């Protein structure tokens, strides 16, 4: 399938590993130009080595104003086609385990920086009345995940922000959607295995099997399996889809609108 992405220009945050890396590679594989942002410089180097003509890199924390401004400074007038807005999630924990300081930090790392970056990106998309914004959140926006009170509480705020934004910018040719991945083989999920093993006095491998037993299709996905859905949402082909939250979860969400 031709996603019509050749020579288009995208920002991908959290590109060092997991979903961000898989989607950056998939975009480059389609001939798109990618500005990959990650805190881990070494991981970015290996990414650029694979796609030297298609990937440029910024090493730093996209949640910080300085790295956001450096990212924006790389954009030429009218060059931006879209962005994948993605970063690691908040720490695992039950309500009684999470301090007020962690709640404040959770607001900063889950919600605030995405709003700030979006405000900086919109003028570039409005210049040529076209753009695709895709935010990676979690299946927790549709169904709470145990031991993840910060994610369960704060990620839905991003859904509310993106849904509202999508209504306000739809007439300008700009769409905004959310991907809500379930259990995938990522470093973030490894932290949940450890947390569950500590609480239930089982091994991390037993905790992993417990998670997989919840998945109707029977096995966790890889980030690469979600990448084609992200490519479609970032492409011109998704013109008629905006303000939506797409699960990629192997059937975990049990609601009618999962």
C-alpha atoms as a PDB file:
ATOM      1  CA  UNK A   1       0.000   0.000   0.000  1.00  0.00           C
ATOM      2  CA  UNK A   2       1.294   3.450  -0.909  1.00  0.00           C
ATOM      3  CA  UNK A   3       0.783   5.748   2.092  1.00  0.00           C
ATOM      4  CA  UNK A   4       1.746   8.801  -0.043  1.00  0.00           C
ATOM      5  CA  UNK A   5       4.435   9.812   2.463  1.00  0.00           C
ATOM      6  CA  UNK A   6       7.437  10.161   0.188  1.00  0.00           C
ATOM      7  CA  UNK A   7       9.323  13.439   0.745  1.00  0.00           C
ATOM      8  CA  UNK A   8       6.916  14.561   3.468  1.00  0.00           C
ATOM      9  CA  UNK A   9       8.468  15.845   6.690  1.00  0.00           C
ATOM     10  CA  UNK A  10       7.592  14.611  10.195  1.00  0.00           C
ATOM     11  CA  UNK A  11       8.676  15.092  13.778  1.00  0.00           C
ATOM     12  CA  UNK A  12       8.764  11.906  15.855  1.00  0.00           C
ATOM     13  CA  UNK A  13       9.350  12.246  19.585  1.00  0.00           C
ATOM     14  CA  UNK A  14      10.384   9.407  21.847  1.00  0.00           C
ATOM     15  CA  UNK A  15      12.161   7.981  18.808  1.00  0.00           C
ATOM     16  CA  UNK A  16      14.922   6.154  20.663  1.00  0.00           C
ATOM     17  CA  UNK A  17      12.941   3.020  21.406  1.00  0.00           C
ATOM     18  CA  UNK A  18       9.505   1.416  21.461  1.00  0.00           C
ATOM     19  CA  UNK A  19       6.671   2.907  19.423  1.00  0.00           C
ATOM     20  CA  UNK A  20       8.545   6.062  18.460  1.00  0.00           C
ATOM     21  CA  UNK A  21      11.492   4.172  17.012  1.00  0.00           C
ATOM     22  CA  UNK A  22       9.283   1.686  15.147  1.00  0.00           C
ATOM     23  CA  UNK A  23       7.216   4.473  13.593  1.00  0.00           C
ATOM     24  CA  UNK A  24      10.256   6.606  12.716  1.00  0.00           C
ATOM     25  CA  UNK A  25      11.738   3.618  10.877  1.00  0.00           C
ATOM     26  CA  UNK A  26       8.447   2.909   9.120  1.00  0.00           C
ATOM     27  CA  UNK A  27       8.161   6.538   7.965  1.00  0.00           C
ATOM     28  CA  UNK A  28      11.729   6.528   6.654  1.00  0.00           C
ATOM     29  CA  UNK A  29      11.016   3.239   4.917  1.00  0.00           C
ATOM     30  CA  UNK A  30       8.209   5.000   3.036  1.00  0.00           C
ATOM     31  CA  UNK A  31      10.571   7.738   1.905  1.00  0.00           C
ATOM     32  CA  UNK A  32       9.481  10.368   4.428  1.00  0.00           C
ATOM     33  CA  UNK A  33      11.943  12.734   6.098  1.00  0.00           C
ATOM     34  CA  UNK A  34      11.985  12.384   9.896  1.00  0.00           C
ATOM     35  CA  UNK A  35      13.295  14.612  12.652  1.00  0.00           C
ATOM     36  CA  UNK A  36      13.758  12.066  15.444  1.00  0.00           C
ATOM     37  CA  UNK A  37      13.897  13.332  19.028  1.00  0.00           C
ATOM     38  CA  UNK A  38      15.033  11.241  21.996  1.00  0.00           C
ATOM     39  CA  UNK A  39      16.925  11.651  25.238  1.00  0.00           C
ATOM     40  CA  UNK A  40      19.232   8.764  24.275  1.00  0.00           C
ATOM     41  CA  UNK A  41      21.829   9.959  21.777  1.00  0.00           C
ATOM     42  CA  UNK A  42      23.322   6.511  21.188  1.00  0.00           C
ATOM     43  CA  UNK A  43      19.966   5.091  20.112  1.00  0.00           C
ATOM     44  CA  UNK A  44      19.465   7.986  17.732  1.00  0.00           C
ATOM     45  CA  UNK A  45      22.865   7.326  16.158  1.00  0.00           C
ATOM     46  CA  UNK A  46      21.931   3.755  15.277  1.00  0.00           C
ATOM     47  CA  UNK A  47      18.622   4.976  13.856  1.00  0.00           C
ATOM     48  CA  UNK A  48      20.346   7.513  11.615  1.00  0.00           C
ATOM     49  CA  UNK A  49      22.896   4.920  10.517  1.00  0.00           C
ATOM     50  CA  UNK A  50      20.022   2.804   9.186  1.00  0.00           C
ATOM     51  CA  UNK A  51      18.430   5.713   7.295  1.00  0.00           C
ATOM     52  CA  UNK A  52      21.152   8.355   6.770  1.00  0.00           C
ATOM     53  CA  UNK A  53      19.259  10.137   3.974  1.00  0.00           C
ATOM     54  CA  UNK A  54      15.919  10.257   5.719  1.00  0.00           C
ATOM     55  CA  UNK A  55      16.469  10.754   9.451  1.00  0.00           C
ATOM     56  CA  UNK A  56      17.881  13.734  11.292  1.00  0.00           C
ATOM     57  CA  UNK A  57      18.193  13.729  15.079  1.00  0.00           C
ATOM     58  CA  UNK A  58      17.964  15.853  18.201  1.00  0.00           C
ATOM     59  CA  UNK A  59      19.181  14.369  21.485  1.00  0.00           C
ATOM     60  CA  UNK A  60      17.332  15.801  24.458  1.00  0.00           C
ATOM     61  CA  UNK A  61      14.186  15.780  26.563  1.00  0.00           C
ATOM     62  CA  UNK A  62      11.229  16.869  24.397  1.00  0.00           C
ATOM     63  CA  UNK A  63       9.364  17.772  27.583  1.00  0.00           C
ATOM     64  CA  UNK A  64      11.758  20.677  28.121  1.00  0.00           C
ATOM     65  CA  UNK A  65      11.113  24.064  26.551  1.00  0.00           C
ATOM     66  CA  UNK A  66      14.668  24.307  25.220  1.00  0.00           C
ATOM     67  CA  UNK A  67      14.485  21.044  23.248  1.00  0.00           C
ATOM     68  CA  UNK A  68      11.026  21.935  21.957  1.00  0.00           C
ATOM     69  CA  UNK A  69      12.412  25.250  20.731  1.00  0.00           C
ATOM     70  CA  UNK A  70      15.409  23.516  19.120  1.00  0.00           C
ATOM     71  CA  UNK A  71      13.015  21.163  17.356  1.00  0.00           C
ATOM     72  CA  UNK A  72      10.924  24.056  16.064  1.00  0.00           C
ATOM     73  CA  UNK A  73      14.072  25.866  14.881  1.00  0.00           C
ATOM     74  CA  UNK A  74      14.806  22.992  12.491  1.00  0.00           C
ATOM     75  CA  UNK A  75      11.536  23.486  10.595  1.00  0.00           C
ATOM     76  CA  UNK A  76      11.561  25.355   7.327  1.00  0.00           C
ATOM     77  CA  UNK A  77       8.559  27.398   6.246  1.00  0.00           C
ATOM     78  CA  UNK A  78       5.747  25.143   5.112  1.00  0.00           C
ATOM     79  CA  UNK A  79       7.811  21.964   5.394  1.00  0.00           C
ATOM     80  CA  UNK A  80       6.029  20.142   8.221  1.00  0.00           C
ATOM     81  CA  UNK A  81       3.469  17.458   7.328  1.00  0.00           C
ATOM     82  CA  UNK A  82       2.821  16.168  10.831  1.00  0.00           C
ATOM     83  CA  UNK A  83       4.100  14.902  14.132  1.00  0.00           C
ATOM     84  CA  UNK A  84       4.013  11.802  16.266  1.00  0.00           C
ATOM     85  CA  UNK A  85       3.815  13.076  19.840  1.00  0.00           C
ATOM     86  CA  UNK A  86       5.046  10.363  22.148  1.00  0.00           C
ATOM     87  CA  UNK A  87       7.137   9.814  25.282  1.00  0.00           C
ATOM     88  CA  UNK A  88       7.448   7.413  28.187  1.00  0.00           C
ATOM     89  CA  UNK A  89       4.643   7.112  30.695  1.00  0.00           C
ATOM     90  CA  UNK A  90       4.440   7.934  34.412  1.00  0.00           C
ATOM     91  CA  UNK A  91       5.674   5.498  37.073  1.00  0.00           C
ATOM     92  CA  UNK A  92       3.574   2.555  38.131  1.00  0.00           C
ATOM     93  CA  UNK A  93       1.840   2.713  41.498  1.00  0.00           C
ATOM     94  CA  UNK A  94      -1.411   2.463  43.411  1.00  0.00           C
ATOM     95  CA  UNK A  95      -3.180   5.538  44.749  1.00  0.00           C
ATOM     96  CA  UNK A  96      -1.744   5.204  48.269  1.00  0.00           C
ATOM     97  CA  UNK A  97       1.789   4.905  46.872  1.00  0.00           C
ATOM     98  CA  UNK A  98       1.759   8.084  44.787  1.00  0.00           C
ATOM     99  CA  UNK A  99       2.783  11.338  46.470  1.00  0.00           C
ATOM    100  CA  UNK A 100       1.435  14.778  45.627  1.00  0.00           C
ATOM    101  CA  UNK A 101       4.830  15.592  44.144  1.00  0.00           C
ATOM    102  CA  UNK A 102       4.417  12.654  41.767  1.00  0.00           C
ATOM    103  CA  UNK A 103       0.958  13.909  40.793  1.00  0.00           C
ATOM    104  CA  UNK A 104       2.488  17.298  39.944  1.00  0.00           C
ATOM    105  CA  UNK A 105       5.257  15.623  37.954  1.00  0.00           C
ATOM    106  CA  UNK A 106       2.706  13.408  36.216  1.00  0.00           C
ATOM    107  CA  UNK A 107       0.840  16.493  34.970  1.00  0.00           C
ATOM    108  CA  UNK A 108       4.102  17.810  33.520  1.00  0.00           C
ATOM    109  CA  UNK A 109       5.233  14.566  31.885  1.00  0.00           C
ATOM    110  CA  UNK A 110       1.889  13.233  30.660  1.00  0.00           C
ATOM    111  CA  UNK A 111      -0.107  16.352  29.717  1.00  0.00           C
ATOM    112  CA  UNK A 112       1.573  19.757  29.902  1.00  0.00           C
ATOM    113  CA  UNK A 113       4.449  19.266  27.459  1.00  0.00           C
ATOM    114  CA  UNK A 114       2.133  17.883  24.764  1.00  0.00           C
ATOM    115  CA  UNK A 115      -0.045  20.974  24.927  1.00  0.00           C
ATOM    116  CA  UNK A 116       3.011  23.243  24.800  1.00  0.00           C
ATOM    117  CA  UNK A 117       4.526  21.423  21.805  1.00  0.00           C
ATOM    118  CA  UNK A 118       1.213  21.381  19.939  1.00  0.00           C
ATOM    119  CA  UNK A 119       0.891  25.158  20.341  1.00  0.00           C
ATOM    120  CA  UNK A 120       4.329  25.541  18.766  1.00  0.00           C
ATOM    121  CA  UNK A 121       3.619  23.152  15.870  1.00  0.00           C
ATOM    122  CA  UNK A 122       0.228  24.470  14.780  1.00  0.00           C
ATOM    123  CA  UNK A 123       1.471  27.655  13.059  1.00  0.00           C
ATOM    124  CA  UNK A 124       3.655  25.543  10.741  1.00  0.00           C
ATOM    125  CA  UNK A 125       0.747  23.291   9.800  1.00  0.00           C
ATOM    126  CA  UNK A 126      -1.577  26.243   9.298  1.00  0.00           C
ATOM    127  CA  UNK A 127       0.845  27.812   6.833  1.00  0.00           C
ATOM    128  CA  UNK A 128      -0.215  25.352   4.157  1.00  0.00           C
ATOM    129  CA  UNK A 129      -3.577  24.214   5.572  1.00  0.00           C
ATOM    130  CA  UNK A 130      -2.473  20.634   6.081  1.00  0.00           C
ATOM    131  CA  UNK A 131      -1.230  18.476   8.907  1.00  0.00           C
ATOM    132  CA  UNK A 132      -1.463  15.237  10.820  1.00  0.00           C
ATOM    133  CA  UNK A 133      -1.035  15.068  14.600  1.00  0.00           C
ATOM    134  CA  UNK A 134      -0.929  11.654  16.263  1.00  0.00           C
ATOM    135  CA  UNK A 135      -0.555  11.239  20.010  1.00  0.00           C
ATOM    136  CA  UNK A 136       0.427   7.919  21.578  1.00  0.00           C
ATOM    137  CA  UNK A 137      -1.298   7.383  24.899  1.00  0.00           C
ATOM    138  CA  UNK A 138      -2.426   4.045  26.398  1.00  0.00           C
ATOM    139  CA  UNK A 139      -5.315   1.638  26.552  1.00  0.00           C
ATOM    140  CA  UNK A 140      -5.781   3.116  30.040  1.00  0.00           C
ATOM    141  CA  UNK A 141      -7.762   5.968  28.439  1.00  0.00           C
ATOM    142  CA  UNK A 142     -10.520   3.446  27.746  1.00  0.00           C
ATOM    143  CA  UNK A 143     -10.115   0.921  30.529  1.00  0.00           C
ATOM    144  CA  UNK A 144      -8.095   1.374  33.756  1.00  0.00           C
ATOM    145  CA  UNK A 145      -4.930  -0.684  34.143  1.00  0.00           C
ATOM    146  CA  UNK A 146      -4.080  -1.937  37.622  1.00  0.00           C
ATOM    147  CA  UNK A 147      -1.143  -0.268  39.414  1.00  0.00           C
ATOM    148  CA  UNK A 148      -1.232   2.692  37.003  1.00  0.00           C
ATOM    149  CA  UNK A 149      -3.265   5.345  38.797  1.00  0.00           C
ATOM    150  CA  UNK A 150      -1.295   8.232  37.262  1.00  0.00           C
ATOM    151  CA  UNK A 151      -1.801   6.961  33.718  1.00  0.00           C
ATOM    152  CA  UNK A 152      -5.460   6.101  34.362  1.00  0.00           C
ATOM    153  CA  UNK A 153      -6.144   9.588  35.687  1.00  0.00           C
ATOM    154  CA  UNK A 154      -3.984  11.854  33.513  1.00  0.00           C
ATOM    155  CA  UNK A 155      -3.976  10.321  30.043  1.00  0.00           C
ATOM    156  CA  UNK A 156      -7.735  10.884  29.605  1.00  0.00           C
ATOM    157  CA  UNK A 157      -6.972  14.606  29.947  1.00  0.00           C
ATOM    158  CA  UNK A 158      -4.953  14.328  26.732  1.00  0.00           C
ATOM    159  CA  UNK A 159      -7.938  12.676  25.033  1.00  0.00           C
ATOM    160  CA  UNK A 160     -10.135  15.594  26.063  1.00  0.00           C
ATOM    161  CA  UNK A 161      -7.583  18.114  24.825  1.00  0.00           C
ATOM    162  CA  UNK A 162      -7.052  16.349  21.483  1.00  0.00           C
ATOM    163  CA  UNK A 163     -10.768  15.813  20.862  1.00  0.00           C
ATOM    164  CA  UNK A 164     -11.472  19.500  21.467  1.00  0.00           C
ATOM    165  CA  UNK A 165      -8.508  20.585  19.349  1.00  0.00           C
ATOM    166  CA  UNK A 166      -9.592  18.336  16.481  1.00  0.00           C
ATOM    167  CA  UNK A 167     -12.947  20.130  16.276  1.00  0.00           C
ATOM    168  CA  UNK A 168     -11.277  23.524  16.209  1.00  0.00           C
ATOM    169  CA  UNK A 169      -8.760  22.770  13.427  1.00  0.00           C
ATOM    170  CA  UNK A 170     -10.658  20.329  11.188  1.00  0.00           C
ATOM    171  CA  UNK A 171     -11.668  23.022   8.682  1.00  0.00           C
ATOM    172  CA  UNK A 172      -7.983  23.921   8.232  1.00  0.00           C
ATOM    173  CA  UNK A 173      -7.023  20.515   6.828  1.00  0.00           C
ATOM    174  CA  UNK A 174      -5.359  19.432  10.069  1.00  0.00           C
ATOM    175  CA  UNK A 175      -6.346  16.244  11.885  1.00  0.00           C
ATOM    176  CA  UNK A 176      -5.550  15.090  15.419  1.00  0.00           C
ATOM    177  CA  UNK A 177      -5.944  11.501  16.608  1.00  0.00           C
ATOM    178  CA  UNK A 178      -4.797   9.226  19.414  1.00  0.00           C
ATOM    179  CA  UNK A 179      -3.348   5.741  19.422  1.00  0.00           C
ATOM    180  CA  UNK A 180      -4.127   3.793  22.597  1.00  0.00           C
ATOM    181  CA  UNK A 181      -1.852   0.739  22.674  1.00  0.00           C
ATOM    182  CA  UNK A 182      -2.540  -2.169  24.969  1.00  0.00           C
ATOM    183  CA  UNK A 183       0.138  -4.618  26.091  1.00  0.00           C
ATOM    184  CA  UNK A 184       3.143  -4.496  23.766  1.00  0.00           C
ATOM    185  CA  UNK A 185       6.706  -5.706  24.177  1.00  0.00           C
ATOM    186  CA  UNK A 186       8.238  -2.427  25.360  1.00  0.00           C
ATOM    187  CA  UNK A 187      10.434  -1.261  28.227  1.00  0.00           C
ATOM    188  CA  UNK A 188       7.427   0.496  29.787  1.00  0.00           C
ATOM    189  CA  UNK A 189       5.593  -2.781  30.164  1.00  0.00           C
ATOM    190  CA  UNK A 190       8.633  -4.417  31.716  1.00  0.00           C
ATOM    191  CA  UNK A 191       8.183  -1.970  34.613  1.00  0.00           C
ATOM    192  CA  UNK A 192       4.657  -3.267  35.101  1.00  0.00           C
ATOM    193  CA  UNK A 193       5.914  -6.850  35.189  1.00  0.00           C
ATOM    194  CA  UNK A 194       8.309  -5.901  37.956  1.00  0.00           C
ATOM    195  CA  UNK A 195       5.609  -4.037  39.899  1.00  0.00           C
ATOM    196  CA  UNK A 196       3.159  -6.914  39.656  1.00  0.00           C
ATOM    197  CA  UNK A 197       5.805  -9.448  40.640  1.00  0.00           C
ATOM    198  CA  UNK A 198       6.624  -7.438  43.767  1.00  0.00           C
ATOM    199  CA  UNK A 199       2.980  -7.075  44.811  1.00  0.00           C
ATOM    200  CA  UNK A 200       2.018 -10.680  44.180  1.00  0.00           C
ATOM    201  CA  UNK A 201       5.315 -12.320  45.180  1.00  0.00           C
ATOM    202  CA  UNK A 202       5.780 -13.959  41.787  1.00  0.00           C
ATOM    203  CA  UNK A 203       8.565 -13.816  39.205  1.00  0.00           C
ATOM    204  CA  UNK A 204       8.571 -11.197  36.430  1.00  0.00           C
ATOM    205  CA  UNK A 205       8.097 -14.002  33.884  1.00  0.00           C
ATOM    206  CA  UNK A 206       5.011 -15.178  35.762  1.00  0.00           C
ATOM    207  CA  UNK A 207       3.759 -11.604  35.833  1.00  0.00           C
ATOM    208  CA  UNK A 208       4.250 -11.359  32.057  1.00  0.00           C
ATOM    209  CA  UNK A 209       2.261 -14.548  31.511  1.00  0.00           C
ATOM    210  CA  UNK A 210      -0.491 -13.115  33.701  1.00  0.00           C
ATOM    211  CA  UNK A 211      -0.709 -10.057  31.457  1.00  0.00           C
ATOM    212  CA  UNK A 212      -0.747 -12.178  28.314  1.00  0.00           C
ATOM    213  CA  UNK A 213      -3.558 -14.293  29.738  1.00  0.00           C
ATOM    214  CA  UNK A 214      -5.739 -11.162  29.648  1.00  0.00           C
ATOM    215  CA  UNK A 215      -5.239 -10.710  25.880  1.00  0.00           C
ATOM    216  CA  UNK A 216      -7.978 -12.393  23.818  1.00  0.00           C
ATOM    217  CA  UNK A 217      -5.631 -12.924  20.860  1.00  0.00           C
ATOM    218  CA  UNK A 218      -3.238 -14.603  23.276  1.00  0.00           C
ATOM    219  CA  UNK A 219       0.071 -12.828  22.739  1.00  0.00           C
ATOM    220  CA  UNK A 220       1.534  -9.356  23.109  1.00  0.00           C
ATOM    221  CA  UNK A 221       2.205  -7.282  20.016  1.00  0.00           C
ATOM    222  CA  UNK A 222       5.423  -5.563  19.052  1.00  0.00           C
ATOM    223  CA  UNK A 223       5.686  -1.812  18.400  1.00  0.00           C
ATOM    224  CA  UNK A 224       6.311  -2.645  14.728  1.00  0.00           C
ATOM    225  CA  UNK A 225       2.825  -4.147  14.504  1.00  0.00           C
ATOM    226  CA  UNK A 226       1.240  -0.811  15.427  1.00  0.00           C
ATOM    227  CA  UNK A 227       3.409   1.218  13.052  1.00  0.00           C
ATOM    228  CA  UNK A 228       1.235   0.716   9.915  1.00  0.00           C
ATOM    229  CA  UNK A 229      -1.785   2.149  11.741  1.00  0.00           C
ATOM    230  CA  UNK A 230       0.296   5.170  12.727  1.00  0.00           C
ATOM    231  CA  UNK A 231       1.501   5.593   9.129  1.00  0.00           C
ATOM    232  CA  UNK A 232      -2.072   5.672   7.883  1.00  0.00           C
ATOM    233  CA  UNK A 233      -3.085   8.266  10.467  1.00  0.00           C
ATOM    234  CA  UNK A 234      -0.050  10.379   9.495  1.00  0.00           C
ATOM    235  CA  UNK A 235      -0.818  10.082   5.791  1.00  0.00           C
ATOM    236  CA  UNK A 236      -3.098  12.020   3.410  1.00  0.00           C
ATOM    237  CA  UNK A 237      -5.292   8.900   3.248  1.00  0.00           C
ATOM    238  CA  UNK A 238      -6.730   9.630   6.716  1.00  0.00           C
ATOM    239  CA  UNK A 239      -8.243  12.990   5.697  1.00  0.00           C
ATOM    240  CA  UNK A 240     -11.728  12.036   6.922  1.00  0.00           C
ATOM    241  CA  UNK A 241     -10.683  10.763  10.355  1.00  0.00           C
ATOM    242  CA  UNK A 242     -10.071  13.147  13.247  1.00  0.00           C
ATOM    243  CA  UNK A 243     -10.677  13.336  16.983  1.00  0.00           C
ATOM    244  CA  UNK A 244     -10.607   9.554  17.330  1.00  0.00           C
ATOM    245  CA  UNK A 245      -8.881   7.231  19.791  1.00  0.00           C
ATOM    246  CA  UNK A 246      -7.783   3.947  18.262  1.00  0.00           C
ATOM    247  CA  UNK A 247      -7.092   0.913  20.427  1.00  0.00           C
ATOM    248  CA  UNK A 248      -4.350  -1.487  19.375  1.00  0.00           C
ATOM    249  CA  UNK A 249      -4.827  -4.001  22.146  1.00  0.00           C
ATOM    250  CA  UNK A 250      -5.513  -7.545  20.994  1.00  0.00           C
ATOM    251  CA  UNK A 251      -9.095  -7.243  22.257  1.00  0.00           C
ATOM    252  CA  UNK A 252      -8.458  -6.213  25.874  1.00  0.00           C
ATOM    253  CA  UNK A 253     -10.911  -3.309  25.911  1.00  0.00           C
ATOM    254  CA  UNK A 254     -14.311  -4.830  26.545  1.00  0.00           C
ATOM    255  CA  UNK A 255     -16.575  -1.832  25.913  1.00  0.00           C
ATOM    256  CA  UNK A 256     -18.684  -1.590  22.759  1.00  0.00           C
ATOM    257  CA  UNK A 257     -16.598   1.346  21.543  1.00  0.00           C
ATOM    258  CA  UNK A 258     -13.198  -0.152  22.356  1.00  0.00           C
END
